[in-house]
């Protein structure tokens, strides 16, 4: 059965009625959890519909449990109904099995809200649908614990892990990963929610980080009537070009890396931890006090001016300086990927002391002491470029030999499907939609400069910065790496903020934040382009800072 098609009531299924534009069973009373299995049809397999006691979590899939960090919330889970299934199961290219896998958790005590939980990496795994705040330092309770019904998906394919890009060989799997799964799962989840509780959700939200943040922006651009509030963290809104930026960085750092006895470069050795700490310290020295207070963080990002040439060794390399090739590599990497004519392929990167954080190294350099790198840019990116970003896919392609003149145009078709770069969101805004976006300044995966440029485009195309701020706000977080971590205040609660904005009209003028990197400290996270400025008073208290235009 085609997506969106209605179905006829059979002997075990009730008749239909329309609720919020969806075909839903006409219910005399809410259905018990187990009865939701009766909603299966040829294009919707339901493999599980069972009541889950409080404090328990299925342990049959350690991989997906790890994907969402479930251990710390297991004991607090409320009693709920668990539904799992597959939408549009089919056999795809090469005889592989495909379908949009999903999980839906429906708490016994429901607050009337629905949350769609974004995934990560290349998806391929159905994460535990808990609605955890997608920031590694967050301590705020997950949405399920707050009473939300929560859904998650594998985005249309099942992989060995979230780095498996084999799905890129199948046309429909590309579409489902790019955006199709969001609409399909949102539709079926709403239908099941209404059947179980006897009423449709009063509000619907989407929240995710990284690829989940990309899916969140895709929800606003491709499914503008599906969600009332959207939280997009570190959104991979130009994922196609960011993947090319990863190749650029890897090529750059390999060129200055030390070699093993066989002459093979050791990527992690391009910069030692001491080298990166040296860079971080120099950035702090140049930029820390620009916000009015030297406190180990660069709040005044717009005023930060740093050139790694200041660290160049006058002679032999020592612990107090960088070699000329290392300085040149930093210039090349932070300047952003370019083609042979010097035209940007991907954005430049801001300087931030988070360059010395483990999360930055994990993506750019890794920790392997051998010529087999373990940097995520090398374990996640190359296969994705070969199988997904290139059209047609080229499974034998060596991404490290990517030619930025010849090969960049080969990514255009995937970009058109995959990258939510659109700025025309009139339907989303007309129905009162609200968008909250956040990203770390030190994010090593997606450039904060790229996102800031996109935000300026949104403002230009939507009546200016003031008009945009009525429905969309961006928070750039000093020191934070990818979806949390780094010398940052990465403990904040965007779900509470978007809920207050959507339901009570309380726009987030600042987000209160704290973090393990600075015990006892609080600061406001400010909506772009405003930045935190010290105004006097207790330096460790958020009340001593104001959000001001640069």
Protein backbone atom coordinates (compact mmCIF):
# COMPACT_ATOMS: atom_id res chain seq x y z
CA UNK A 1 0.00 0.00 0.00
CA UNK A 2 1.34 3.44 -0.89
CA UNK A 3 2.24 5.90 1.83
CA UNK A 4 -0.69 8.08 2.81
CA UNK A 5 -3.27 5.62 1.44
CA UNK A 6 -6.30 4.84 3.58
CA UNK A 7 -7.32 1.32 4.50
CA UNK A 8 -10.68 -0.36 4.97
CA UNK A 9 -11.86 -1.69 8.28
CA UNK A 10 -11.67 -5.47 8.43
CA UNK A 11 -13.33 -7.84 10.82
CA UNK A 12 -10.77 -7.09 13.58
CA UNK A 13 -10.42 -3.34 12.97
CA UNK A 14 -12.87 -0.56 13.77
CA UNK A 15 -14.27 1.93 11.28
CA UNK A 16 -12.51 5.15 10.37
CA UNK A 17 -12.90 8.78 11.29
CA UNK A 18 -10.77 11.83 10.58
CA UNK A 19 -8.78 13.44 13.38
CA UNK A 20 -6.48 16.37 12.52
CA UNK A 21 -6.46 15.32 8.90
CA UNK A 22 -5.41 11.73 9.64
CA UNK A 23 -7.37 8.53 9.11
CA UNK A 24 -7.91 7.21 12.64
CA UNK A 25 -10.09 4.44 14.06
CA UNK A 26 -13.36 5.69 15.52
CA UNK A 27 -12.90 4.66 19.13
CA UNK A 28 -15.53 4.26 21.80
CA UNK A 29 -12.69 4.15 24.32
CA UNK A 30 -8.88 4.25 24.28
CA UNK A 31 -7.26 0.99 23.19
CA UNK A 32 -5.10 -1.10 25.48
CA UNK A 33 -1.43 -1.36 24.58
CA UNK A 34 -1.63 -4.91 23.25
CA UNK A 35 -4.57 -4.02 21.04
CA UNK A 36 -2.40 -1.61 19.05
CA UNK A 37 -0.93 -4.65 17.30
CA UNK A 38 -4.24 -4.87 15.47
CA UNK A 39 -3.35 -1.74 13.55
CA UNK A 40 -0.90 -3.68 11.38
CA UNK A 41 -1.51 -3.70 7.66
CA UNK A 42 0.55 -4.66 4.60
CA UNK A 43 2.52 -1.41 4.69
CA UNK A 44 2.79 -1.31 8.49
CA UNK A 45 4.27 -4.18 10.46
CA UNK A 46 3.90 -3.99 14.22
CA UNK A 47 6.34 -6.38 15.83
CA UNK A 48 5.79 -5.37 19.43
CA UNK A 49 2.97 -3.76 21.38
CA UNK A 50 3.37 -4.47 25.07
CA UNK A 51 3.12 -2.82 28.44
CA UNK A 52 6.47 -2.06 30.10
CA UNK A 53 6.63 -1.80 33.91
CA UNK A 54 8.18 1.26 35.50
CA UNK A 55 11.95 1.26 35.81
CA UNK A 56 12.65 -1.25 33.04
CA UNK A 57 14.03 -1.07 29.55
CA UNK A 58 14.35 -3.89 26.99
CA UNK A 59 17.92 -5.19 26.88
CA UNK A 60 17.71 -6.96 23.53
CA UNK A 61 19.59 -4.28 21.60
CA UNK A 62 22.69 -2.97 23.41
CA UNK A 63 23.72 -0.99 20.33
CA UNK A 64 20.68 1.19 20.25
CA UNK A 65 20.70 1.56 24.03
CA UNK A 66 24.22 2.94 23.81
CA UNK A 67 23.13 5.31 21.06
CA UNK A 68 20.88 7.20 23.44
CA UNK A 69 22.72 6.76 26.74
CA UNK A 70 19.87 4.97 28.48
CA UNK A 71 21.65 3.58 31.53
CA UNK A 72 21.29 6.69 33.67
CA UNK A 73 17.52 6.99 33.12
CA UNK A 74 16.55 3.31 33.23
CA UNK A 75 15.52 3.29 36.89
CA UNK A 76 13.38 6.41 36.52
CA UNK A 77 11.37 5.27 33.50
CA UNK A 78 7.61 5.43 34.01
CA UNK A 79 5.27 2.58 33.17
CA UNK A 80 4.46 2.84 29.50
CA UNK A 81 3.31 1.13 26.33
CA UNK A 82 6.05 0.14 23.89
CA UNK A 83 5.24 -0.15 20.19
CA UNK A 84 7.78 -1.18 17.56
CA UNK A 85 7.37 -1.80 13.88
CA UNK A 86 8.31 -1.10 10.29
CA UNK A 87 6.65 1.18 7.76
CA UNK A 88 6.76 0.21 4.07
CA UNK A 89 8.82 -3.00 4.34
CA UNK A 90 10.28 -3.89 0.97
CA UNK A 91 13.15 -5.48 -0.90
CA UNK A 92 15.45 -2.87 -2.39
CA UNK A 93 18.50 -2.60 -4.60
CA UNK A 94 20.73 -5.66 -4.48
CA UNK A 95 18.04 -7.70 -2.72
CA UNK A 96 18.55 -5.92 0.61
CA UNK A 97 15.62 -5.59 3.02
CA UNK A 98 14.46 -2.05 3.70
CA UNK A 99 11.71 -0.32 5.63
CA UNK A 100 11.32 2.54 8.09
CA UNK A 101 11.82 1.07 11.53
CA UNK A 102 10.35 2.95 14.46
CA UNK A 103 9.78 2.80 18.19
CA UNK A 104 7.04 4.58 20.11
CA UNK A 105 6.77 4.84 23.89
CA UNK A 106 3.44 5.91 25.39
CA UNK A 107 3.52 6.71 29.12
CA UNK A 108 0.60 5.73 31.33
CA UNK A 109 0.49 9.28 32.63
CA UNK A 110 0.48 11.33 29.43
CA UNK A 111 0.85 15.10 29.26
CA UNK A 112 -0.83 15.36 25.85
CA UNK A 113 2.40 16.05 23.98
CA UNK A 114 4.32 14.13 21.30
CA UNK A 115 8.08 14.31 20.75
CA UNK A 116 9.90 12.99 17.68
CA UNK A 117 13.46 12.09 18.70
CA UNK A 118 16.16 12.65 16.09
CA UNK A 119 18.86 10.07 15.43
CA UNK A 120 22.61 10.35 14.87
CA UNK A 121 25.39 9.47 12.45
CA UNK A 122 23.86 7.81 9.40
CA UNK A 123 21.04 6.39 11.54
CA UNK A 124 20.39 2.73 10.65
CA UNK A 125 19.56 2.01 14.31
CA UNK A 126 16.28 2.60 16.10
CA UNK A 127 17.34 4.51 19.20
CA UNK A 128 15.48 3.99 22.47
CA UNK A 129 12.63 6.49 22.30
CA UNK A 130 13.23 8.32 25.56
CA UNK A 131 13.51 11.90 24.36
CA UNK A 132 16.76 12.59 26.23
CA UNK A 133 18.08 16.15 25.89
CA UNK A 134 20.59 15.78 23.02
CA UNK A 135 23.50 17.52 24.74
CA UNK A 136 26.09 15.33 26.44
CA UNK A 137 26.21 17.48 29.58
CA UNK A 138 22.45 17.84 30.06
CA UNK A 139 20.95 16.79 33.38
CA UNK A 140 17.34 17.75 32.57
CA UNK A 141 14.99 14.74 32.51
CA UNK A 142 14.15 13.08 29.18
CA UNK A 143 10.80 13.79 27.58
CA UNK A 144 9.34 10.37 28.42
CA UNK A 145 9.90 11.04 32.11
CA UNK A 146 8.02 14.32 31.71
CA UNK A 147 4.98 12.57 30.28
CA UNK A 148 5.64 12.92 26.54
CA UNK A 149 4.85 10.20 24.03
CA UNK A 150 8.17 9.71 22.21
CA UNK A 151 9.00 8.21 18.80
CA UNK A 152 12.32 7.33 17.16
CA UNK A 153 13.33 5.81 13.82
CA UNK A 154 16.19 4.25 11.90
CA UNK A 155 15.34 6.55 8.96
CA UNK A 156 14.53 3.74 6.59
CA UNK A 157 17.43 1.33 6.76
CA UNK A 158 19.14 -1.07 9.14
CA UNK A 159 22.92 -0.91 9.33
CA UNK A 160 25.65 -2.63 11.28
CA UNK A 161 25.92 0.63 13.18
CA UNK A 162 25.30 4.35 12.66
CA UNK A 163 28.33 4.58 10.34
CA UNK A 164 27.07 2.01 7.82
CA UNK A 165 26.48 3.76 4.47
CA UNK A 166 25.46 0.75 2.36
CA UNK A 167 21.90 2.11 2.18
CA UNK A 168 23.14 4.78 -0.22
CA UNK A 169 22.95 2.24 -3.05
CA UNK A 170 19.14 2.25 -2.84
CA UNK A 171 17.16 5.20 -4.23
CA UNK A 172 14.22 5.02 -1.81
CA UNK A 173 16.54 4.50 1.17
CA UNK A 174 18.28 7.75 0.24
CA UNK A 175 14.94 9.55 0.18
CA UNK A 176 13.83 8.05 3.49
CA UNK A 177 17.11 8.95 5.20
CA UNK A 178 17.06 12.47 3.79
CA UNK A 179 13.51 13.35 4.83
CA UNK A 180 10.89 10.70 4.03
CA UNK A 181 11.09 8.81 7.31
CA UNK A 182 10.24 11.91 9.33
CA UNK A 183 6.86 12.36 7.69
CA UNK A 184 6.04 8.64 7.65
CA UNK A 185 6.85 8.03 11.32
CA UNK A 186 5.18 11.24 12.48
CA UNK A 187 1.98 10.22 10.70
CA UNK A 188 1.87 6.68 12.10
CA UNK A 189 2.92 7.78 15.58
CA UNK A 190 0.09 10.30 15.75
CA UNK A 191 -2.34 7.63 14.66
CA UNK A 192 -1.19 5.18 17.33
CA UNK A 193 -1.13 7.88 20.01
CA UNK A 194 -4.72 8.86 19.25
CA UNK A 195 -5.82 5.23 19.32
CA UNK A 196 -4.15 4.50 22.67
CA UNK A 197 -5.24 7.63 24.50
CA UNK A 198 -8.48 8.31 22.67
CA UNK A 199 -7.29 11.74 21.54
CA UNK A 200 -4.64 13.23 19.29
CA UNK A 201 -1.62 15.07 20.72
CA UNK A 202 -2.31 18.67 21.66
CA UNK A 203 1.26 19.65 20.71
CA UNK A 204 4.01 18.01 18.66
CA UNK A 205 7.74 18.66 18.99
CA UNK A 206 10.91 17.50 17.26
CA UNK A 207 14.29 17.45 19.02
CA UNK A 208 17.65 16.13 17.83
CA UNK A 209 21.35 16.88 17.50
CA UNK A 210 23.87 16.31 14.68
CA UNK A 211 22.06 14.31 12.00
CA UNK A 212 19.09 14.50 14.35
CA UNK A 213 19.47 18.29 14.15
CA UNK A 214 19.51 18.05 10.36
CA UNK A 215 16.31 16.00 10.52
CA UNK A 216 14.84 18.67 12.81
CA UNK A 217 15.48 21.40 10.25
CA UNK A 218 14.16 19.04 7.57
CA UNK A 219 10.96 18.75 9.60
CA UNK A 220 10.54 22.53 9.37
CA UNK A 221 11.33 22.73 5.66
CA UNK A 222 9.73 19.52 4.29
CA UNK A 223 6.98 18.81 6.86
CA UNK A 224 5.89 22.32 7.94
CA UNK A 225 2.51 21.25 9.36
CA UNK A 226 3.77 18.31 11.43
CA UNK A 227 5.37 20.06 14.41
CA UNK A 228 4.64 23.05 16.63
CA UNK A 229 8.14 23.39 18.06
CA UNK A 230 11.50 22.20 16.79
CA UNK A 231 14.86 21.97 18.60
CA UNK A 232 17.80 21.49 16.24
CA UNK A 233 21.19 20.92 17.84
CA UNK A 234 24.40 21.13 15.78
CA UNK A 235 22.24 20.75 12.68
CA UNK A 236 23.99 19.17 9.73
CA UNK A 237 22.08 21.51 7.44
CA UNK A 238 24.85 21.33 4.81
CA UNK A 239 25.85 17.77 5.61
CA UNK A 240 26.93 17.09 2.04
CA UNK A 241 29.49 19.91 2.03
CA UNK A 242 30.50 19.27 5.65
CA UNK A 243 31.45 15.74 4.59
CA UNK A 244 33.78 17.27 2.01
CA UNK A 245 35.17 19.52 4.73
CA UNK A 246 36.02 16.41 6.72
CA UNK A 247 38.00 15.03 3.78
CA UNK A 248 39.80 18.36 3.40
CA UNK A 249 40.84 18.33 7.05
CA UNK A 250 42.00 14.72 6.94
CA UNK A 251 44.08 15.36 3.82
CA UNK A 252 45.53 18.47 5.46
CA UNK A 253 46.51 16.80 8.72
CA UNK A 254 47.86 13.66 7.07
CA UNK A 255 50.25 15.86 5.09
CA UNK A 256 51.98 17.01 8.31
CA UNK A 257 51.63 13.79 10.31
CA UNK A 258 54.70 11.79 11.37
CA UNK A 259 55.25 8.51 9.56
CA UNK A 260 55.65 4.95 10.76
CA UNK A 261 58.66 2.81 9.71
CA UNK A 262 56.86 1.91 6.46
CA UNK A 263 56.38 5.58 5.58
CA UNK A 264 52.65 5.68 6.38
CA UNK A 265 51.31 8.82 8.12
CA UNK A 266 49.97 8.56 11.67
CA UNK A 267 47.06 11.00 11.66
CA UNK A 268 46.79 11.41 15.44
CA UNK A 269 50.42 12.54 15.59
CA UNK A 270 49.88 15.60 13.39
CA UNK A 271 49.28 17.54 16.62
CA UNK A 272 50.05 16.26 20.07
CA UNK A 273 47.79 17.03 23.00
CA UNK A 274 50.39 19.54 24.13
CA UNK A 275 50.31 21.21 20.70
CA UNK A 276 46.55 21.66 20.83
CA UNK A 277 46.74 22.88 24.43
CA UNK A 278 49.25 25.46 23.22
CA UNK A 279 46.80 26.65 20.55
CA UNK A 280 43.92 26.74 23.04
CA UNK A 281 45.96 28.78 25.49
CA UNK A 282 46.94 31.25 22.80
CA UNK A 283 43.30 31.67 21.74
CA UNK A 284 42.36 32.38 25.36
CA UNK A 285 45.17 34.88 25.72
CA UNK A 286 44.05 36.70 22.58
CA UNK A 287 40.27 36.61 23.11
CA UNK A 288 39.21 35.65 26.64
CA UNK A 289 38.95 39.14 28.17
CA UNK A 290 37.03 40.68 25.26
CA UNK A 291 33.71 40.05 27.06
CA UNK A 292 34.90 42.06 30.05
CA UNK A 293 36.17 39.17 32.15
CA UNK A 294 39.09 36.75 31.78
CA UNK A 295 37.50 33.52 32.97
CA UNK A 296 38.77 30.72 30.73
CA UNK A 297 36.07 31.04 28.10
CA UNK A 298 35.69 33.10 24.92
CA UNK A 299 32.23 34.65 25.14
CA UNK A 300 32.90 37.55 22.74
CA UNK A 301 33.24 35.31 19.70
CA UNK A 302 32.73 38.11 17.17
CA UNK A 303 35.69 40.02 18.64
CA UNK A 304 38.11 37.08 18.64
CA UNK A 305 41.13 37.60 16.38
CA UNK A 306 43.77 34.90 16.37
CA UNK A 307 46.52 33.84 13.99
CA UNK A 308 48.40 30.60 14.71
CA UNK A 309 51.43 32.13 13.01
CA UNK A 310 52.11 33.74 16.38
CA UNK A 311 53.08 30.27 17.61
CA UNK A 312 55.60 29.50 14.86
CA UNK A 313 58.90 28.09 16.08
CA UNK A 314 61.85 30.36 15.24
CA UNK A 315 64.01 27.28 14.89
CA UNK A 316 63.59 23.64 15.85
CA UNK A 317 60.21 22.41 17.08
CA UNK A 318 59.82 22.64 20.85
CA UNK A 319 56.95 22.24 23.30
CA UNK A 320 56.50 26.02 23.30
CA UNK A 321 55.82 26.45 19.59
CA UNK A 322 54.50 24.86 16.39
CA UNK A 323 56.48 23.88 13.34
CA UNK A 324 55.86 25.92 10.15
CA UNK A 325 54.07 22.93 8.51
CA UNK A 326 51.77 22.65 11.54
CA UNK A 327 50.96 26.37 11.36
CA UNK A 328 50.24 26.08 7.66
CA UNK A 329 48.01 23.06 8.30
CA UNK A 330 45.98 25.04 10.84
CA UNK A 331 45.62 27.94 8.40
CA UNK A 332 44.47 25.54 5.70
CA UNK A 333 42.04 23.57 7.88
CA UNK A 334 40.47 26.52 9.69
CA UNK A 335 40.23 28.44 6.42
CA UNK A 336 37.81 25.82 5.09
CA UNK A 337 37.78 23.51 2.09
CA UNK A 338 38.32 25.17 -1.32
CA UNK A 339 38.53 24.12 -4.93
CA UNK A 340 41.51 24.72 -7.22
CA UNK A 341 40.35 28.27 -7.96
CA UNK A 342 40.13 29.14 -4.28
CA UNK A 343 36.33 29.09 -4.18
CA UNK A 344 34.83 27.83 -0.91
CA UNK A 345 33.59 24.25 -0.89
CA UNK A 346 32.84 24.35 2.84
CA UNK A 347 32.96 27.10 5.45
CA UNK A 348 35.84 28.40 7.54
CA UNK A 349 35.92 27.61 11.27
CA UNK A 350 36.01 29.92 14.33
CA UNK A 351 38.91 29.82 16.77
CA UNK A 352 37.94 28.55 20.21
CA UNK A 353 39.83 26.98 23.15
CA UNK A 354 37.71 23.87 22.60
CA UNK A 355 40.32 22.88 20.02
CA UNK A 356 42.15 21.11 22.85
CA UNK A 357 39.08 19.16 24.01
CA UNK A 358 38.90 15.38 23.58
CA UNK A 359 35.80 15.78 21.43
CA UNK A 360 37.66 17.92 18.89
CA UNK A 361 40.50 15.41 18.64
CA UNK A 362 38.09 12.48 18.40
CA UNK A 363 36.71 13.83 15.12
CA UNK A 364 39.69 15.51 13.49
CA UNK A 365 42.71 13.45 14.57
CA UNK A 366 41.76 10.49 16.71
CA UNK A 367 44.04 8.74 19.15
CA UNK A 368 45.46 5.83 17.12
CA UNK A 369 49.21 5.41 17.48
CA UNK A 370 49.37 3.55 14.19
CA UNK A 371 48.80 4.36 10.53
CA UNK A 372 45.25 3.01 10.86
CA UNK A 373 43.37 6.11 12.02
CA UNK A 374 40.39 6.05 14.34
CA UNK A 375 39.33 9.68 13.91
CA UNK A 376 35.60 9.82 13.23
CA UNK A 377 36.27 11.87 10.11
CA UNK A 378 37.99 8.76 8.73
CA UNK A 379 35.67 6.06 10.09
CA UNK A 380 32.34 7.73 9.33
CA UNK A 381 33.00 10.05 6.40
CA UNK A 382 34.71 8.15 3.55
CA UNK A 383 32.11 5.39 3.16
CA UNK A 384 29.32 7.96 3.35
CA UNK A 385 30.94 9.97 0.56
CA UNK A 386 31.39 6.92 -1.66
CA UNK A 387 27.98 5.34 -1.12
CA UNK A 388 25.65 8.23 -0.30
CA UNK A 389 26.98 11.67 -1.15
CA UNK A 390 28.24 10.75 -4.62
CA UNK A 391 25.64 10.20 -7.34
CA UNK A 392 25.71 7.64 -8.72
CA UNK A 393 27.20 5.86 -5.71
CA UNK A 394 30.76 4.69 -6.14
CA UNK A 395 31.50 1.99 -3.51
CA UNK A 396 35.13 1.65 -4.59
CA UNK A 397 35.85 5.38 -4.38
CA UNK A 398 38.83 6.43 -2.24
CA UNK A 399 37.54 9.49 -0.44
CA UNK A 400 41.03 10.54 0.64
CA UNK A 401 41.84 11.05 -3.04
CA UNK A 402 38.81 13.32 -3.47
CA UNK A 403 39.41 16.01 -6.09
CA UNK A 404 37.65 19.21 -5.04
CA UNK A 405 37.36 20.41 -8.65
CA UNK A 406 36.33 17.19 -10.38
CA UNK A 407 34.36 15.43 -7.64
CA UNK A 408 32.46 18.19 -5.83
CA UNK A 409 29.76 18.45 -8.54
CA UNK A 410 29.07 14.73 -8.06
CA UNK A 411 27.50 15.53 -4.65
CA UNK A 412 24.88 17.98 -5.97
CA UNK A 413 22.06 15.44 -6.38
CA UNK A 414 22.32 14.17 -2.82
CA UNK A 415 22.58 17.74 -1.51
CA UNK A 416 19.26 18.59 -3.16
CA UNK A 417 17.59 15.74 -1.27
CA UNK A 418 19.50 15.81 1.97
CA UNK A 419 20.40 19.36 2.98
CA UNK A 420 17.67 21.53 4.59
CA UNK A 421 19.12 24.83 3.42
CA UNK A 422 15.76 26.33 2.48
CA UNK A 423 14.73 29.69 3.93
CA UNK A 424 11.08 29.77 2.80
CA UNK A 425 9.12 28.57 5.83
CA UNK A 426 5.86 30.50 5.51
CA UNK A 427 3.59 27.54 6.33
CA UNK A 428 5.59 26.62 9.43
CA UNK A 429 5.56 30.18 10.71
CA UNK A 430 1.93 30.95 9.77
CA UNK A 431 0.67 28.16 12.01
CA UNK A 432 2.77 29.39 14.92
CA UNK A 433 5.78 27.12 14.55
CA UNK A 434 8.83 27.92 16.67
CA UNK A 435 12.44 26.94 15.97
CA UNK A 436 15.30 26.82 18.51
CA UNK A 437 18.77 25.99 17.17
CA UNK A 438 22.00 25.54 19.13
CA UNK A 439 25.58 24.64 18.29
CA UNK A 440 29.00 24.71 19.93
CA UNK A 441 31.52 27.25 18.71
CA UNK A 442 34.18 24.53 18.92
CA UNK A 443 32.10 21.93 17.08
CA UNK A 444 34.63 19.98 14.95
CA UNK A 445 31.98 18.43 12.68
CA UNK A 446 29.88 21.36 11.48
CA UNK A 447 31.21 24.89 11.34
CA UNK A 448 29.51 27.44 13.58
CA UNK A 449 30.44 30.05 10.98
CA UNK A 450 28.49 28.15 8.36
CA UNK A 451 25.42 28.09 10.60
CA UNK A 452 25.78 31.79 11.44
CA UNK A 453 25.89 32.60 7.71
CA UNK A 454 22.74 30.53 7.18
CA UNK A 455 21.06 32.43 9.99
CA UNK A 456 21.84 35.70 8.26
CA UNK A 457 20.27 34.31 5.09
CA UNK A 458 17.17 33.36 7.07
CA UNK A 459 16.97 36.90 8.41
CA UNK A 460 17.35 38.49 4.96
CA UNK A 461 14.68 36.25 3.47
CA UNK A 462 12.20 36.61 6.36
CA UNK A 463 11.87 40.31 7.00
CA UNK A 464 15.08 40.97 8.91
CA UNK A 465 16.62 39.84 12.19
CA UNK A 466 13.79 41.21 14.30
CA UNK A 467 11.09 39.43 12.35
CA UNK A 468 13.08 36.18 12.35
CA UNK A 469 13.51 36.34 16.13
CA UNK A 470 9.73 36.19 16.51
CA UNK A 471 9.82 32.51 15.55
CA UNK A 472 13.44 31.32 15.33
CA UNK A 473 16.48 31.74 17.57
CA UNK A 474 20.05 30.46 17.36
CA UNK A 475 22.32 29.90 20.37
CA UNK A 476 26.06 29.52 19.74
CA UNK A 477 27.78 28.03 22.78
CA UNK A 478 31.38 28.99 23.58
CA UNK A 479 33.79 26.11 24.09
CA UNK A 480 31.29 23.38 23.26
CA UNK A 481 32.27 20.65 20.82
CA UNK A 482 29.84 18.36 18.99
CA UNK A 483 26.51 18.04 20.83
CA UNK A 484 28.19 18.84 24.14
CA UNK A 485 31.60 18.51 25.75
CA UNK A 486 34.61 20.79 25.76
CA UNK A 487 35.40 23.73 28.06
CA UNK A 488 31.77 24.76 27.95
CA UNK A 489 28.54 25.20 29.85
CA UNK A 490 26.72 22.33 28.17
CA UNK A 491 24.03 21.66 30.76
CA UNK A 492 20.89 23.45 29.59
CA UNK A 493 17.32 22.52 28.73
CA UNK A 494 16.10 23.48 25.24
CA UNK A 495 12.96 21.32 25.54
CA UNK A 496 11.58 23.38 28.41
CA UNK A 497 12.48 26.54 26.47
CA UNK A 498 10.69 25.51 23.25
CA UNK A 499 7.68 24.30 25.21
CA UNK A 500 7.37 27.66 26.99
CA UNK A 501 7.75 29.51 23.68
CA UNK A 502 5.14 27.47 21.82
CA UNK A 503 2.57 27.16 24.57
CA UNK A 504 2.95 30.37 26.57
CA UNK A 505 4.56 32.74 24.11
CA UNK A 506 7.69 33.08 26.28
CA UNK A 507 10.47 33.65 23.75
CA UNK A 508 13.90 32.49 24.97
CA UNK A 509 15.85 35.74 25.46
CA UNK A 510 18.57 33.71 27.23
CA UNK A 511 19.07 30.10 28.21
CA UNK A 512 20.48 29.43 31.69
CA UNK A 513 23.45 27.07 31.48
CA UNK A 514 26.00 25.37 33.68
CA UNK A 515 28.53 22.63 33.05
CA UNK A 516 30.97 20.19 34.59
CA UNK A 517 33.90 22.00 32.93
CA UNK A 518 33.32 25.01 35.22
CA UNK A 519 31.87 23.77 38.54
CA UNK A 520 29.70 26.33 40.29
CA UNK A 521 29.48 28.63 37.29
CA UNK A 522 26.30 29.76 35.55
CA UNK A 523 26.04 31.84 32.41
CA UNK A 524 23.37 32.90 29.98
CA UNK A 525 23.45 31.42 26.50
CA UNK A 526 22.50 34.30 24.24
CA UNK A 527 20.48 34.31 21.00
CA UNK A 528 22.62 35.13 17.96
CA UNK A 529 23.97 37.67 17.21
CA UNK A 530 23.96 38.76 20.85
CA UNK A 531 26.78 37.57 23.10
CA UNK A 532 27.28 37.45 26.88
CA UNK A 533 29.05 40.49 28.33
CA UNK A 534 30.19 40.90 31.92
CA UNK A 535 28.52 43.84 33.62
CA UNK A 536 29.99 43.61 37.11
CA UNK A 537 29.12 41.58 40.19
CA UNK A 538 29.85 37.99 41.14
CA UNK A 539 31.83 36.58 38.18
CA UNK A 540 30.44 33.05 38.52
CA UNK A 541 26.77 34.04 38.40
CA UNK A 542 24.68 34.37 35.24
CA UNK A 543 23.02 37.51 36.67
CA UNK A 544 26.33 39.36 36.25
CA UNK A 545 26.14 38.95 32.46
CA UNK A 546 23.91 40.58 29.86
CA UNK A 547 23.20 39.49 26.29
CA UNK A 548 24.33 42.34 24.04
CA UNK A 549 24.85 43.03 20.37
CA UNK A 550 28.56 42.86 19.40
